[in-house]
Amino acid sequence: MNLGKDWLAFNLGGFYRNRGDIRIPGKAIDEHFIAQQYGLTDIQNSSGKIPNTDSESNGGFAGISWLGDTAMAGMSISHVDNRYGVPRGSHGLDPNHLGGLELILPKLNDLTGFEDIFGPQALFPNIRLAMRQTRYDFKSEWYEPIRGIERIGFRYGLVDYQHTEIQGGLPFTKFKNEAGEGRFEIDHRFFPRLTGTFGVQWIGRNFSALGVETFVPETKQHSLGFYTTQQYTWNRWIVSGGVRIEQSRVNPKASELRLRGSALPPIPLPDELKYRTTSFSSSLQRNLVDDLTMTISFNQGKRSPDIQELLSLGPHLSIRSFDIGNVQLKNETMNMVDLGFDWKKERFSLRVNGYYNRTDDFIFQRNTGLVYEIDNEVIRQQCVSKAECVSIFAYDQQDAEFIGYESEFGATLYKLPQGDLLLTLFSDYVRGRFVRGMHGDVPRMPPLRYGIELGLDNSRWNSALRYTRAEEQHHPGENETITKGYHLLTVSADYQMKMGKWADVWLFAKGTNLLNEEIRSSVSFLRNFAPEPGRSFVLGLRATF
């Protein structure tokens, strides 16, 4: 709901969602993957739906702003609560290790009093997540305070996030992330042809993942960055450039990382990890003719490792993995060249760009091929029972290259009384490979995709039928699985109704995966446990006042 009077504007809203288990056209778990990765052939699988994927969420937001002639200031608060389940894997209580109770189990006709041991939650415990987030934002801007300065802006946001991973009804690991981020910017036009921005950004973050298994110790992270972007226009040429310098430090409170129940020696941690990065960007844009623009850009960007990449050690149940950080990680350096063309006419448009990205010391999660049994707290080459097993991923660095393109063609086929008939053709692709050391494929990359969309729209309503073809991803990476290609057909429509001068109402409908294809996303850690939803439909109403 949006309200306003004189210099004040108010914004208020909320939502509630409740969803049952995701329905799918086939089986939830890829049994070939389970046999290959975990060495298990007798697993609990399901067809037609993914158990334990129901969810319930609610939230709301409120904001107030003062809008003056040459300045504005506003603040807002938002809150979200979300409870949902993680797809089940090949896990459960090991029937061969019941502490002697397996000897009397065949003689029991009445399990009263043993529900906590032999009940469904004990044999096949659900993994649930309880998430909440509260966010506070403040923004102010001052327009043209003096000659040559177009805007002075300040923004600050504070996020209080936590989620708890719950196994068998009991808290397992609690993730907490408290982060504050501020930004101060000055936009200038000192000369008629030269415009740009000078800015400073600072971030303070407290992060931890503690519980039965300490996934990440309590850690503080602080960073301070200075940046500028400048743009010069001359006839048909536009030259742009930017520089960013950032200093960051990571301070873990723990002195070592230790895996509970393991014979592995502890990993000592320094009191502080420091990183400094300098990034550059430049681009040259040329209007070849009135409707055709060519842009070539070069970027060299550096990124310092994140807390989880450095300090993880433990089960990460929300993505069914066991993560191992690496305190030896260095900055990764991206060198990218991008060439693009943008052609716009009255009845059609064409956008094509290709890029080459060479990233030195690229940070990624490597599938080690090993598994971790959560119940037994043991690292193995394969699961030896139906205990809770998750794959072990280790953060690593290798030089890598990425070659890809994006393209889209749009045309107005006919102008009809009911609206314009539109055609869109699109495609994108990226190939990632390690160039030294491993000489393999970068894991979890998207496949080649292309498709077509037909749309019909006018000022009050629009509709579209979209078909996407994704090819097989046969470059999955080390110890990863090939994902099959799929056909995705979606349809959407929405209609806007004016309710006088006080409200706007939109009615919308969307159908997804109309062909009911089994789709496993190559970029998802959960793809072998949870395919994308099958045929589904959404009807809704949205109103603003």
Protein backbone atom coordinates (compact mmCIF):
# COMPACT_ATOMS: atom_id res chain seq x y z
CA MET A 1 0.00 0.00 0.00
CA ASN A 2 1.39 3.41 -1.03
CA LEU A 3 0.13 6.61 0.62
CA GLY A 4 1.32 10.18 0.45
CA LYS A 5 0.48 13.72 1.44
CA ASP A 6 2.44 16.89 0.79
CA TRP A 7 6.11 16.02 1.46
CA LEU A 8 5.54 12.62 3.05
CA ALA A 9 5.19 9.20 1.42
CA PHE A 10 4.33 5.93 3.18
CA ASN A 11 4.73 2.37 2.02
CA LEU A 12 3.24 -0.64 3.81
CA GLY A 13 2.85 -4.27 2.74
CA GLY A 14 2.98 -7.90 3.72
CA PHE A 15 2.60 -11.45 2.45
CA TYR A 16 1.83 -15.01 3.49
CA ARG A 17 2.67 -18.16 1.50
CA ASN A 18 1.99 -21.82 2.18
CA ARG A 19 3.10 -24.60 -0.14
CA GLY A 20 2.90 -28.38 0.04
CA ASP A 21 5.51 -30.84 -1.21
CA ILE A 22 6.82 -30.15 -4.71
CA ARG A 23 5.25 -32.42 -7.33
CA ILE A 24 7.50 -33.91 -10.02
CA PRO A 25 6.96 -36.16 -13.04
CA GLY A 26 9.35 -38.95 -11.98
CA LYS A 27 11.51 -40.03 -9.06
CA ALA A 28 12.97 -37.56 -6.60
CA ILE A 29 16.44 -39.09 -6.22
CA ASP A 30 18.73 -39.92 -9.13
CA GLU A 31 19.45 -43.54 -8.19
CA HIS A 32 22.36 -43.82 -10.64
CA PHE A 33 24.06 -40.91 -8.85
CA ILE A 34 23.47 -42.46 -5.42
CA ALA A 35 25.03 -45.72 -6.55
CA GLN A 36 27.99 -43.92 -8.14
CA GLN A 37 28.66 -41.35 -5.41
CA TYR A 38 27.65 -43.18 -2.25
CA GLY A 39 27.86 -46.83 -3.26
CA LEU A 40 24.22 -47.48 -2.23
CA THR A 41 21.68 -49.41 -4.27
CA ASP A 42 18.90 -49.95 -1.73
CA ILE A 43 17.52 -46.49 -0.90
CA GLN A 44 14.25 -44.91 0.11
CA ASN A 45 12.99 -43.08 -2.99
CA SER A 46 9.70 -41.47 -3.91
CA SER A 47 7.78 -40.79 -7.13
CA GLY A 48 5.43 -38.00 -8.02
CA LYS A 49 6.61 -35.61 -5.32
CA ILE A 50 9.66 -34.62 -3.27
CA PRO A 51 8.97 -35.37 0.40
CA ASN A 52 9.80 -32.72 2.98
CA THR A 53 9.79 -29.79 0.53
CA ASP A 54 6.73 -28.04 1.93
CA SER A 55 7.21 -24.46 3.12
CA GLU A 56 5.48 -21.66 4.97
CA SER A 57 6.60 -18.05 4.94
CA ASN A 58 5.31 -14.66 5.98
CA GLY A 59 6.69 -11.17 6.15
CA GLY A 60 6.03 -7.49 5.98
CA PHE A 61 7.62 -4.13 5.33
CA ALA A 62 7.03 -0.48 6.17
CA GLY A 63 8.70 2.69 5.00
CA ILE A 64 8.44 6.45 5.28
CA SER A 65 10.11 9.13 3.16
CA TRP A 66 10.36 12.90 3.16
CA LEU A 67 10.47 14.35 -0.37
CA GLY A 68 11.66 17.91 -0.71
CA ASP A 69 12.35 20.09 -3.72
CA THR A 70 16.13 19.55 -3.63
CA ALA A 71 16.54 16.67 -1.18
CA MET A 72 14.94 13.51 0.19
CA ALA A 73 15.36 11.18 3.12
CA GLY A 74 13.69 7.89 3.91
CA MET A 75 13.89 4.77 6.02
CA SER A 76 12.30 1.33 5.94
CA ILE A 77 12.12 -1.91 7.89
CA SER A 78 11.28 -5.38 6.58
CA HIS A 79 10.98 -8.80 8.19
CA VAL A 80 10.70 -12.33 6.76
CA ASP A 81 10.06 -15.68 8.47
CA ASN A 82 10.45 -18.82 6.39
CA ARG A 83 10.21 -22.50 7.35
CA TYR A 84 10.94 -25.15 4.76
CA GLY A 85 12.36 -28.62 4.29
CA VAL A 86 15.42 -29.97 2.51
CA PRO A 87 14.91 -32.89 0.07
CA ARG A 88 15.66 -36.24 1.65
CA GLY A 89 18.70 -38.19 0.61
CA SER A 90 19.78 -41.80 1.04
CA HIS A 91 19.82 -41.51 4.80
CA GLY A 92 18.24 -42.97 7.88
CA LEU A 93 19.11 -44.83 11.05
CA ASP A 94 21.60 -47.61 10.34
CA PRO A 95 19.67 -50.84 11.09
CA ASN A 96 22.95 -52.65 11.76
CA HIS A 97 23.91 -50.32 14.61
CA LEU A 98 20.94 -50.04 16.97
CA GLY A 99 22.87 -50.63 20.16
CA GLY A 100 21.53 -54.17 20.61
CA LEU A 101 17.89 -53.25 20.06
CA GLU A 102 18.02 -54.87 16.63
CA LEU A 103 18.12 -58.23 18.43
CA ILE A 104 14.70 -57.75 20.00
CA LEU A 105 13.11 -55.79 17.15
CA PRO A 106 11.76 -58.93 15.36
CA LYS A 107 10.11 -60.04 18.62
CA LEU A 108 8.26 -56.75 19.20
CA ASN A 109 4.65 -56.60 18.01
CA ASP A 110 3.91 -53.35 19.86
CA LEU A 111 6.36 -50.46 19.39
CA THR A 112 4.69 -48.29 22.04
CA GLY A 113 7.45 -46.47 23.88
CA PHE A 114 9.95 -46.99 21.07
CA GLU A 115 8.51 -44.38 18.65
CA ASP A 116 11.51 -42.11 19.15
CA ILE A 117 13.84 -44.94 18.10
CA PHE A 118 11.90 -46.77 15.41
CA GLY A 119 9.50 -44.05 14.23
CA PRO A 120 9.72 -42.41 10.81
CA GLN A 121 11.59 -39.38 12.17
CA ALA A 122 14.30 -41.60 13.67
CA LEU A 123 14.65 -43.97 10.74
CA PHE A 124 14.42 -41.22 8.13
CA PRO A 125 14.78 -37.85 9.88
CA ASN A 126 13.62 -34.74 8.09
CA ILE A 127 15.99 -31.81 7.71
CA ARG A 128 14.08 -28.56 8.23
CA LEU A 129 15.23 -24.94 8.08
CA ALA A 130 13.80 -22.12 10.17
CA MET A 131 14.91 -18.79 8.74
CA ARG A 132 14.26 -15.22 9.81
CA GLN A 133 15.63 -11.92 8.58
CA THR A 134 15.10 -8.33 9.65
CA ARG A 135 16.49 -5.53 7.52
CA TYR A 136 16.75 -1.79 8.24
CA ASP A 137 17.52 0.69 5.44
CA PHE A 138 18.16 4.43 5.41
CA LYS A 139 18.64 6.61 2.32
CA SER A 140 19.13 10.33 1.75
CA GLU A 141 20.01 12.40 -1.32
CA TRP A 142 20.77 16.08 -1.95
CA TYR A 143 20.36 17.30 -5.53
CA GLU A 144 22.61 19.98 -7.09
CA PRO A 145 23.90 21.47 -3.82
CA ILE A 146 26.54 23.48 -5.70
CA ARG A 147 27.48 24.03 -9.30
CA GLY A 148 29.15 20.98 -10.83
CA ILE A 149 27.75 18.57 -8.22
CA GLU A 150 24.59 16.82 -9.40
CA ARG A 151 23.91 14.61 -6.37
CA ILE A 152 25.25 13.73 -2.94
CA GLY A 153 23.88 10.43 -1.67
CA PHE A 154 24.14 8.37 1.49
CA ARG A 155 22.79 4.86 2.11
CA TYR A 156 23.08 2.52 5.05
CA GLY A 157 21.59 -0.92 5.53
CA LEU A 158 21.63 -3.25 8.52
CA VAL A 159 20.73 -6.95 8.16
CA ASP A 160 20.04 -9.36 11.02
CA TYR A 161 19.80 -12.86 9.51
CA GLN A 162 19.75 -16.30 11.03
CA HIS A 163 18.60 -19.77 10.09
CA THR A 164 18.63 -22.99 12.05
CA GLU A 165 19.12 -26.39 10.45
CA ILE A 166 16.91 -28.88 12.27
CA GLN A 167 17.39 -32.65 12.01
CA GLY A 168 14.83 -35.05 13.44
CA GLY A 169 13.08 -32.17 15.21
CA LEU A 170 16.24 -31.06 17.06
CA PRO A 171 18.42 -27.97 16.32
CA PHE A 172 21.62 -28.98 14.51
CA THR A 173 23.44 -25.85 13.30
CA LYS A 174 22.49 -22.18 13.64
CA PHE A 175 23.78 -19.72 11.03
CA LYS A 176 23.93 -16.07 12.12
CA ASN A 177 24.89 -13.13 9.94
CA GLU A 178 24.74 -9.55 11.18
CA ALA A 179 25.96 -7.12 8.55
CA GLY A 180 25.97 -3.36 8.14
CA GLU A 181 26.83 -1.69 4.84
CA GLY A 182 27.16 2.03 4.15
CA ARG A 183 27.81 3.98 0.97
CA PHE A 184 28.53 7.68 0.35
CA GLU A 185 28.58 8.99 -3.24
CA ILE A 186 29.06 12.24 -5.10
CA ASP A 187 27.90 12.56 -8.72
CA HIS A 188 29.60 15.36 -10.65
CA ARG A 189 29.46 17.18 -13.97
CA PHE A 190 32.50 19.45 -13.79
CA PHE A 191 32.72 19.68 -17.58
CA PRO A 192 29.93 19.41 -20.18
CA ARG A 193 31.27 16.16 -21.64
CA LEU A 194 32.59 14.56 -18.43
CA THR A 195 30.38 12.99 -15.75
CA GLY A 196 31.19 10.56 -12.99
CA THR A 197 30.90 9.36 -9.42
CA PHE A 198 33.25 9.29 -6.45
CA GLY A 199 32.32 7.00 -3.59
CA VAL A 200 33.31 5.19 -0.45
CA GLN A 201 31.79 1.94 0.84
CA TRP A 202 32.26 0.20 4.18
CA ILE A 203 31.01 -3.16 5.47
CA GLY A 204 31.03 -4.67 8.95
CA ARG A 205 29.93 -8.28 9.38
CA ASN A 206 29.61 -10.81 12.21
CA PHE A 207 29.12 -14.37 10.95
CA SER A 208 28.93 -17.77 12.64
CA ALA A 209 27.53 -21.26 12.08
CA LEU A 210 27.53 -23.06 15.43
CA GLY A 211 25.77 -26.06 16.89
CA VAL A 212 26.16 -29.84 17.06
CA GLU A 213 28.72 -29.48 14.27
CA THR A 214 30.54 -26.12 14.23
CA PHE A 215 30.39 -25.30 10.54
CA VAL A 216 32.04 -21.83 10.72
CA PRO A 217 33.43 -20.27 13.93
CA GLU A 218 32.29 -16.83 15.05
CA THR A 219 34.12 -14.38 12.79
CA LYS A 220 34.23 -10.64 12.20
CA GLN A 221 34.85 -9.15 8.77
CA HIS A 222 35.45 -5.49 7.94
CA SER A 223 36.13 -3.85 4.59
CA LEU A 224 36.62 -0.32 3.33
CA GLY A 225 36.61 0.58 -0.33
CA PHE A 226 37.09 3.73 -2.42
CA TYR A 227 35.91 3.88 -6.01
CA THR A 228 35.28 6.18 -8.93
CA THR A 229 33.58 5.79 -12.31
CA GLN A 230 33.95 8.41 -15.06
CA GLN A 231 32.35 8.83 -18.49
CA TYR A 232 33.42 11.10 -21.35
CA THR A 233 31.18 11.74 -24.38
CA TRP A 234 32.48 13.02 -27.70
CA ASN A 235 30.40 12.94 -30.90
CA ARG A 236 29.56 9.25 -31.44
CA TRP A 237 32.05 8.01 -28.84
CA ILE A 238 31.49 7.29 -25.15
CA VAL A 239 34.58 6.38 -23.10
CA SER A 240 34.05 4.98 -19.58
CA GLY A 241 36.43 3.91 -16.87
CA GLY A 242 36.50 3.03 -13.20
CA VAL A 243 38.85 2.14 -10.35
CA ARG A 244 38.11 0.51 -6.99
CA ILE A 245 40.56 0.01 -4.12
CA GLU A 246 39.45 -2.10 -1.16
CA GLN A 247 41.06 -3.20 2.09
CA SER A 248 39.45 -6.01 4.10
CA ARG A 249 40.30 -8.10 7.14
CA VAL A 250 38.86 -11.28 8.64
CA ASN A 251 39.16 -11.97 12.38
CA PRO A 252 38.11 -15.45 13.56
CA LYS A 253 37.53 -15.78 17.31
CA ALA A 254 38.58 -19.44 17.32
CA SER A 255 42.25 -20.36 17.38
CA GLU A 256 41.78 -23.57 15.36
CA LEU A 257 39.35 -25.58 13.26
CA ARG A 258 38.68 -29.05 14.61
CA LEU A 259 36.38 -31.77 13.28
CA ARG A 260 34.59 -33.46 16.15
CA GLY A 261 35.11 -37.21 16.34
CA SER A 262 37.83 -37.19 13.67
CA ALA A 263 41.46 -38.25 13.96
CA LEU A 264 42.42 -35.43 11.60
CA PRO A 265 44.72 -32.88 13.26
CA PRO A 266 43.21 -29.43 14.01
CA ILE A 267 43.83 -26.59 11.56
CA PRO A 268 45.46 -23.59 13.30
CA LEU A 269 43.94 -20.19 12.52
CA PRO A 270 45.69 -16.82 12.49
CA ASP A 271 44.32 -13.95 14.55
CA GLU A 272 43.74 -11.93 11.39
CA LEU A 273 43.66 -12.39 7.62
CA LYS A 274 44.22 -9.25 5.51
CA TYR A 275 43.45 -8.66 1.85
CA ARG A 276 43.89 -5.71 -0.49
CA THR A 277 42.30 -5.58 -3.93
CA THR A 278 42.52 -3.10 -6.80
CA SER A 279 40.08 -3.39 -9.71
CA PHE A 280 39.90 -1.53 -13.03
CA SER A 281 37.20 -1.29 -15.68
CA SER A 282 37.08 0.45 -19.05
CA SER A 283 34.74 0.50 -22.03
CA LEU A 284 34.50 2.16 -25.41
CA GLN A 285 31.08 2.68 -27.00
CA ARG A 286 30.62 3.80 -30.59
CA ASN A 287 27.39 4.62 -32.38
CA LEU A 288 28.21 3.13 -35.78
CA VAL A 289 24.95 4.45 -37.24
CA ASP A 290 21.92 6.05 -35.61
CA ASP A 291 20.43 2.69 -34.60
CA LEU A 292 23.52 0.52 -34.14
CA THR A 293 25.87 0.69 -31.15
CA MET A 294 29.09 -1.26 -30.59
CA THR A 295 30.60 -1.61 -27.11
CA ILE A 296 33.94 -3.16 -26.21
CA SER A 297 35.00 -3.39 -22.58
CA PHE A 298 37.91 -4.69 -20.53
CA ASN A 299 37.70 -5.38 -16.82
CA GLN A 300 40.30 -6.53 -14.36
CA GLY A 301 38.62 -7.25 -11.07
CA LYS A 302 39.99 -8.74 -7.87
CA ARG A 303 37.94 -10.45 -5.16
CA SER A 304 39.09 -11.50 -1.72
CA PRO A 305 37.90 -14.82 -0.21
CA ASP A 306 34.67 -14.89 1.79
CA ILE A 307 34.38 -16.12 5.39
CA GLN A 308 32.80 -19.45 4.43
CA GLU A 309 35.42 -20.06 1.75
CA LEU A 310 38.14 -19.59 4.34
CA LEU A 311 36.80 -21.12 7.54
CA SER A 312 34.16 -23.76 6.74
CA LEU A 313 34.55 -27.19 8.33
CA GLY A 314 31.44 -29.26 8.86
CA PRO A 315 28.09 -30.43 7.47
CA HIS A 316 26.05 -27.87 5.55
CA LEU A 317 22.68 -29.61 5.57
CA SER A 318 20.72 -27.01 3.59
CA ILE A 319 22.65 -28.05 0.44
CA ARG A 320 23.46 -31.61 1.63
CA SER A 321 27.22 -31.12 1.69
CA PHE A 322 30.22 -31.20 4.01
CA ASP A 323 32.29 -28.08 3.34
CA ILE A 324 36.02 -27.69 3.97
CA GLY A 325 37.42 -24.16 3.86
CA ASN A 326 40.94 -23.12 2.97
CA VAL A 327 42.77 -20.42 4.97
CA GLN A 328 45.49 -20.37 2.27
CA LEU A 329 43.17 -18.87 -0.35
CA LYS A 330 44.45 -15.77 -2.16
CA ASN A 331 42.63 -13.06 -4.07
CA GLU A 332 41.13 -14.22 -7.35
CA THR A 333 41.78 -11.99 -10.37
CA MET A 334 39.32 -11.73 -13.25
CA ASN A 335 40.43 -10.44 -16.69
CA MET A 336 37.47 -10.13 -19.04
CA VAL A 337 37.01 -8.78 -22.56
CA ASP A 338 33.44 -8.22 -23.77
CA LEU A 339 32.29 -7.22 -27.26
CA GLY A 340 28.66 -6.32 -27.82
CA PHE A 341 26.34 -4.96 -30.51
CA ASP A 342 22.96 -3.35 -29.91
CA TRP A 343 20.71 -2.62 -32.91
CA LYS A 344 17.33 -0.96 -32.35
CA LYS A 345 14.77 -0.17 -35.05
CA GLU A 346 11.11 0.70 -34.84
CA ARG A 347 9.91 -2.85 -35.49
CA PHE A 348 12.83 -4.97 -34.27
CA SER A 349 15.88 -5.04 -32.00
CA LEU A 350 18.99 -7.21 -31.78
CA ARG A 351 21.44 -7.53 -28.89
CA VAL A 352 24.52 -9.78 -29.14
CA ASN A 353 27.59 -9.89 -26.94
CA GLY A 354 30.43 -12.35 -26.55
CA TYR A 355 33.03 -12.47 -23.82
CA TYR A 356 36.26 -14.13 -22.74
CA ASN A 357 37.12 -14.27 -19.04
CA ARG A 358 40.48 -15.49 -17.73
CA THR A 359 40.35 -15.76 -13.93
CA ASP A 360 43.60 -16.41 -12.09
CA ASP A 361 43.24 -18.28 -8.78
CA PHE A 362 39.53 -18.87 -9.36
CA ILE A 363 37.85 -19.95 -6.10
CA PHE A 364 35.47 -22.90 -6.35
CA GLN A 365 34.12 -25.88 -4.42
CA ARG A 366 35.75 -29.12 -5.55
CA ASN A 367 33.86 -32.38 -5.10
CA THR A 368 36.45 -34.63 -3.44
CA GLY A 369 34.54 -37.84 -4.21
CA LEU A 370 34.51 -38.65 -0.47
CA VAL A 371 31.46 -38.73 1.78
CA TYR A 372 30.80 -37.86 5.42
CA GLU A 373 28.47 -39.95 7.59
CA ILE A 374 26.82 -37.46 9.91
CA ASP A 375 25.43 -40.01 12.35
CA ASN A 376 28.76 -41.83 12.74
CA GLU A 377 30.97 -38.72 12.26
CA VAL A 378 33.23 -40.59 9.84
CA ILE A 379 34.80 -39.68 6.49
CA ARG A 380 34.62 -42.54 3.99
CA GLN A 381 35.17 -43.26 0.32
CA GLN A 382 31.61 -44.61 0.13
CA CYS A 383 28.69 -45.02 2.50
CA VAL A 384 28.80 -48.43 4.17
CA SER A 385 25.23 -48.26 5.45
CA LYS A 386 22.05 -46.24 5.11
CA ALA A 387 23.39 -43.64 7.52
CA GLU A 388 23.12 -39.94 6.69
CA CYS A 389 25.76 -39.35 4.00
CA VAL A 390 26.70 -36.06 2.37
CA SER A 391 29.33 -35.30 -0.26
CA ILE A 392 32.53 -33.54 0.84
CA PHE A 393 33.37 -30.30 -0.98
CA ALA A 394 36.72 -28.54 -0.48
CA TYR A 395 37.36 -24.91 -1.42
CA ASP A 396 40.24 -24.72 -3.88
CA GLN A 397 41.87 -22.36 -6.40
CA GLN A 398 42.84 -22.92 -10.02
CA ASP A 399 43.34 -20.68 -13.04
CA ALA A 400 40.24 -20.91 -15.23
CA GLU A 401 38.85 -19.47 -18.44
CA PHE A 402 35.24 -18.81 -19.42
CA ILE A 403 34.04 -18.25 -22.98
CA GLY A 404 30.43 -17.42 -23.69
CA TYR A 405 27.79 -15.30 -25.37
CA GLU A 406 24.30 -13.88 -24.87
CA SER A 407 21.92 -12.91 -27.63
CA GLU A 408 18.34 -11.75 -28.06
CA PHE A 409 16.30 -10.76 -31.12
CA GLY A 410 12.92 -9.07 -30.75
CA ALA A 411 10.41 -8.06 -33.41
CA THR A 412 6.89 -6.70 -33.67
CA LEU A 413 5.23 -9.08 -36.15
CA TYR A 414 1.82 -7.43 -36.36
CA LYS A 415 0.01 -4.46 -34.86
CA LEU A 416 -3.47 -5.70 -34.05
CA PRO A 417 -6.48 -3.91 -32.52
CA GLN A 418 -6.10 -6.13 -29.45
CA GLY A 419 -2.38 -5.36 -29.12
CA ASP A 420 1.02 -6.00 -30.66
CA LEU A 421 2.09 -9.52 -31.62
CA LEU A 422 5.71 -9.86 -30.51
CA LEU A 423 8.43 -12.41 -31.31
CA THR A 424 11.57 -12.95 -29.25
CA LEU A 425 14.45 -15.33 -30.01
CA PHE A 426 17.15 -15.84 -27.37
CA SER A 427 20.20 -17.94 -26.56
CA ASP A 428 23.09 -18.03 -24.07
CA TYR A 429 26.09 -20.27 -23.44
CA VAL A 430 29.23 -20.34 -21.31
CA ARG A 431 32.07 -22.87 -21.25
CA GLY A 432 34.31 -22.99 -18.18
CA ARG A 433 37.65 -24.86 -18.10
CA PHE A 434 40.69 -24.98 -15.87
CA VAL A 435 43.77 -24.01 -17.83
CA ARG A 436 46.53 -25.17 -15.48
CA GLY A 437 46.81 -27.81 -12.80
CA MET A 438 43.58 -29.80 -13.01
CA HIS A 439 43.00 -29.22 -16.76
CA GLY A 440 39.35 -30.17 -16.31
CA ASP A 441 35.92 -28.61 -16.39
CA VAL A 442 34.71 -25.95 -13.97
CA PRO A 443 31.90 -27.63 -12.01
CA ARG A 444 28.23 -26.66 -11.93
CA MET A 445 28.08 -24.56 -15.10
CA PRO A 446 24.83 -23.86 -17.01
CA PRO A 447 24.31 -25.63 -20.35
CA LEU A 448 23.63 -24.19 -23.78
CA ARG A 449 20.12 -22.67 -23.83
CA TYR A 450 18.01 -21.23 -26.63
CA GLY A 451 14.35 -20.62 -27.28
CA ILE A 452 11.49 -18.57 -28.63
CA GLU A 453 8.71 -16.47 -27.11
CA LEU A 454 5.45 -15.22 -28.65
CA GLY A 455 3.71 -12.37 -26.87
CA LEU A 456 0.59 -10.27 -27.24
CA ASP A 457 0.26 -7.08 -25.24
CA ASN A 458 -1.20 -3.61 -25.01
CA SER A 459 -1.39 -0.91 -22.35
CA ARG A 460 -3.78 -2.91 -20.09
CA TRP A 461 -2.72 -6.53 -20.42
CA ASN A 462 -0.05 -8.82 -21.85
CA SER A 463 0.45 -12.53 -22.39
CA ALA A 464 3.36 -14.72 -23.49
CA LEU A 465 4.14 -18.29 -24.48
CA ARG A 466 7.82 -19.12 -23.94
CA TYR A 467 9.75 -22.23 -24.99
CA THR A 468 13.30 -22.92 -23.76
CA ARG A 469 15.54 -25.77 -24.83
CA ALA A 470 18.50 -26.60 -22.58
CA GLU A 471 21.03 -29.05 -23.94
CA GLU A 472 22.77 -31.76 -21.94
CA GLN A 473 25.57 -30.54 -19.67
CA HIS A 474 28.25 -33.07 -20.53
CA HIS A 475 31.06 -31.03 -18.93
CA PRO A 476 29.96 -31.40 -15.27
CA GLY A 477 33.37 -31.23 -13.57
CA GLU A 478 35.34 -33.64 -11.40
CA ASN A 479 33.19 -36.19 -9.51
CA GLU A 480 30.03 -34.42 -10.71
CA THR A 481 27.23 -35.94 -12.79
CA ILE A 482 26.07 -35.18 -16.31
CA THR A 483 22.64 -33.54 -16.46
CA LYS A 484 20.22 -34.31 -19.25
CA GLY A 485 18.75 -31.72 -21.58
CA TYR A 486 15.17 -30.60 -21.20
CA HIS A 487 12.30 -28.70 -22.85
CA LEU A 488 10.68 -25.98 -20.73
CA LEU A 489 7.35 -24.49 -21.79
CA THR A 490 5.76 -21.66 -19.81
CA VAL A 491 2.74 -19.43 -20.32
CA SER A 492 1.90 -16.19 -18.52
CA ALA A 493 -0.74 -13.46 -18.61
CA ASP A 494 -1.63 -10.42 -16.53
CA TYR A 495 -4.35 -7.77 -16.66
CA GLN A 496 -4.39 -4.34 -15.01
CA MET A 497 -7.62 -2.80 -13.70
CA LYS A 498 -7.98 0.81 -12.59
CA MET A 499 -10.05 1.17 -9.42
CA GLY A 500 -10.62 4.89 -9.66
CA LYS A 501 -7.78 7.15 -8.56
CA TRP A 502 -7.17 5.22 -5.32
CA ALA A 503 -5.98 1.82 -6.43
CA ASP A 504 -4.50 -0.33 -9.20
CA VAL A 505 -5.25 -4.06 -9.34
CA TRP A 506 -3.36 -6.67 -11.36
CA LEU A 507 -4.70 -10.15 -12.07
CA PHE A 508 -2.01 -12.60 -13.15
CA ALA A 509 -1.65 -16.25 -14.09
CA LYS A 510 1.37 -18.39 -14.91
CA GLY A 511 1.87 -22.00 -15.95
CA THR A 512 5.35 -23.52 -15.64
CA ASN A 513 6.84 -26.71 -17.08
CA LEU A 514 3.69 -27.44 -19.05
CA LEU A 515 5.36 -30.46 -20.68
CA ASN A 516 5.96 -31.96 -17.21
CA GLU A 517 9.65 -32.58 -17.94
CA GLU A 518 12.12 -33.93 -15.40
CA ILE A 519 14.54 -31.03 -15.04
CA ARG A 520 17.72 -31.25 -12.98
CA SER A 521 19.63 -27.98 -12.88
CA SER A 522 23.35 -28.39 -13.55
CA VAL A 523 24.19 -25.46 -11.23
CA SER A 524 22.35 -26.85 -8.20
CA PHE A 525 24.01 -28.80 -5.36
CA LEU A 526 20.65 -30.55 -4.79
CA ARG A 527 19.97 -31.57 -8.38
CA ASN A 528 20.36 -35.31 -7.71
CA PHE A 529 17.97 -35.19 -4.76
CA ALA A 530 15.40 -32.68 -6.02
CA PRO A 531 14.52 -31.99 -9.66
CA GLU A 532 12.72 -28.79 -10.57
CA PRO A 533 8.93 -28.75 -9.98
CA GLY A 534 6.74 -30.50 -12.53
CA ARG A 535 3.71 -28.96 -14.20
CA SER A 536 2.42 -26.14 -12.00
CA PHE A 537 0.02 -23.20 -12.16
CA VAL A 538 -0.22 -19.95 -10.23
CA LEU A 539 -3.19 -17.58 -10.09
CA GLY A 540 -2.91 -14.35 -8.19
CA LEU A 541 -3.97 -10.81 -7.49
CA ARG A 542 -1.81 -7.83 -6.61
CA ALA A 543 -3.11 -4.43 -5.56
CA THR A 544 -1.57 -1.07 -4.74
CA PHE A 545 -3.45 1.73 -3.00
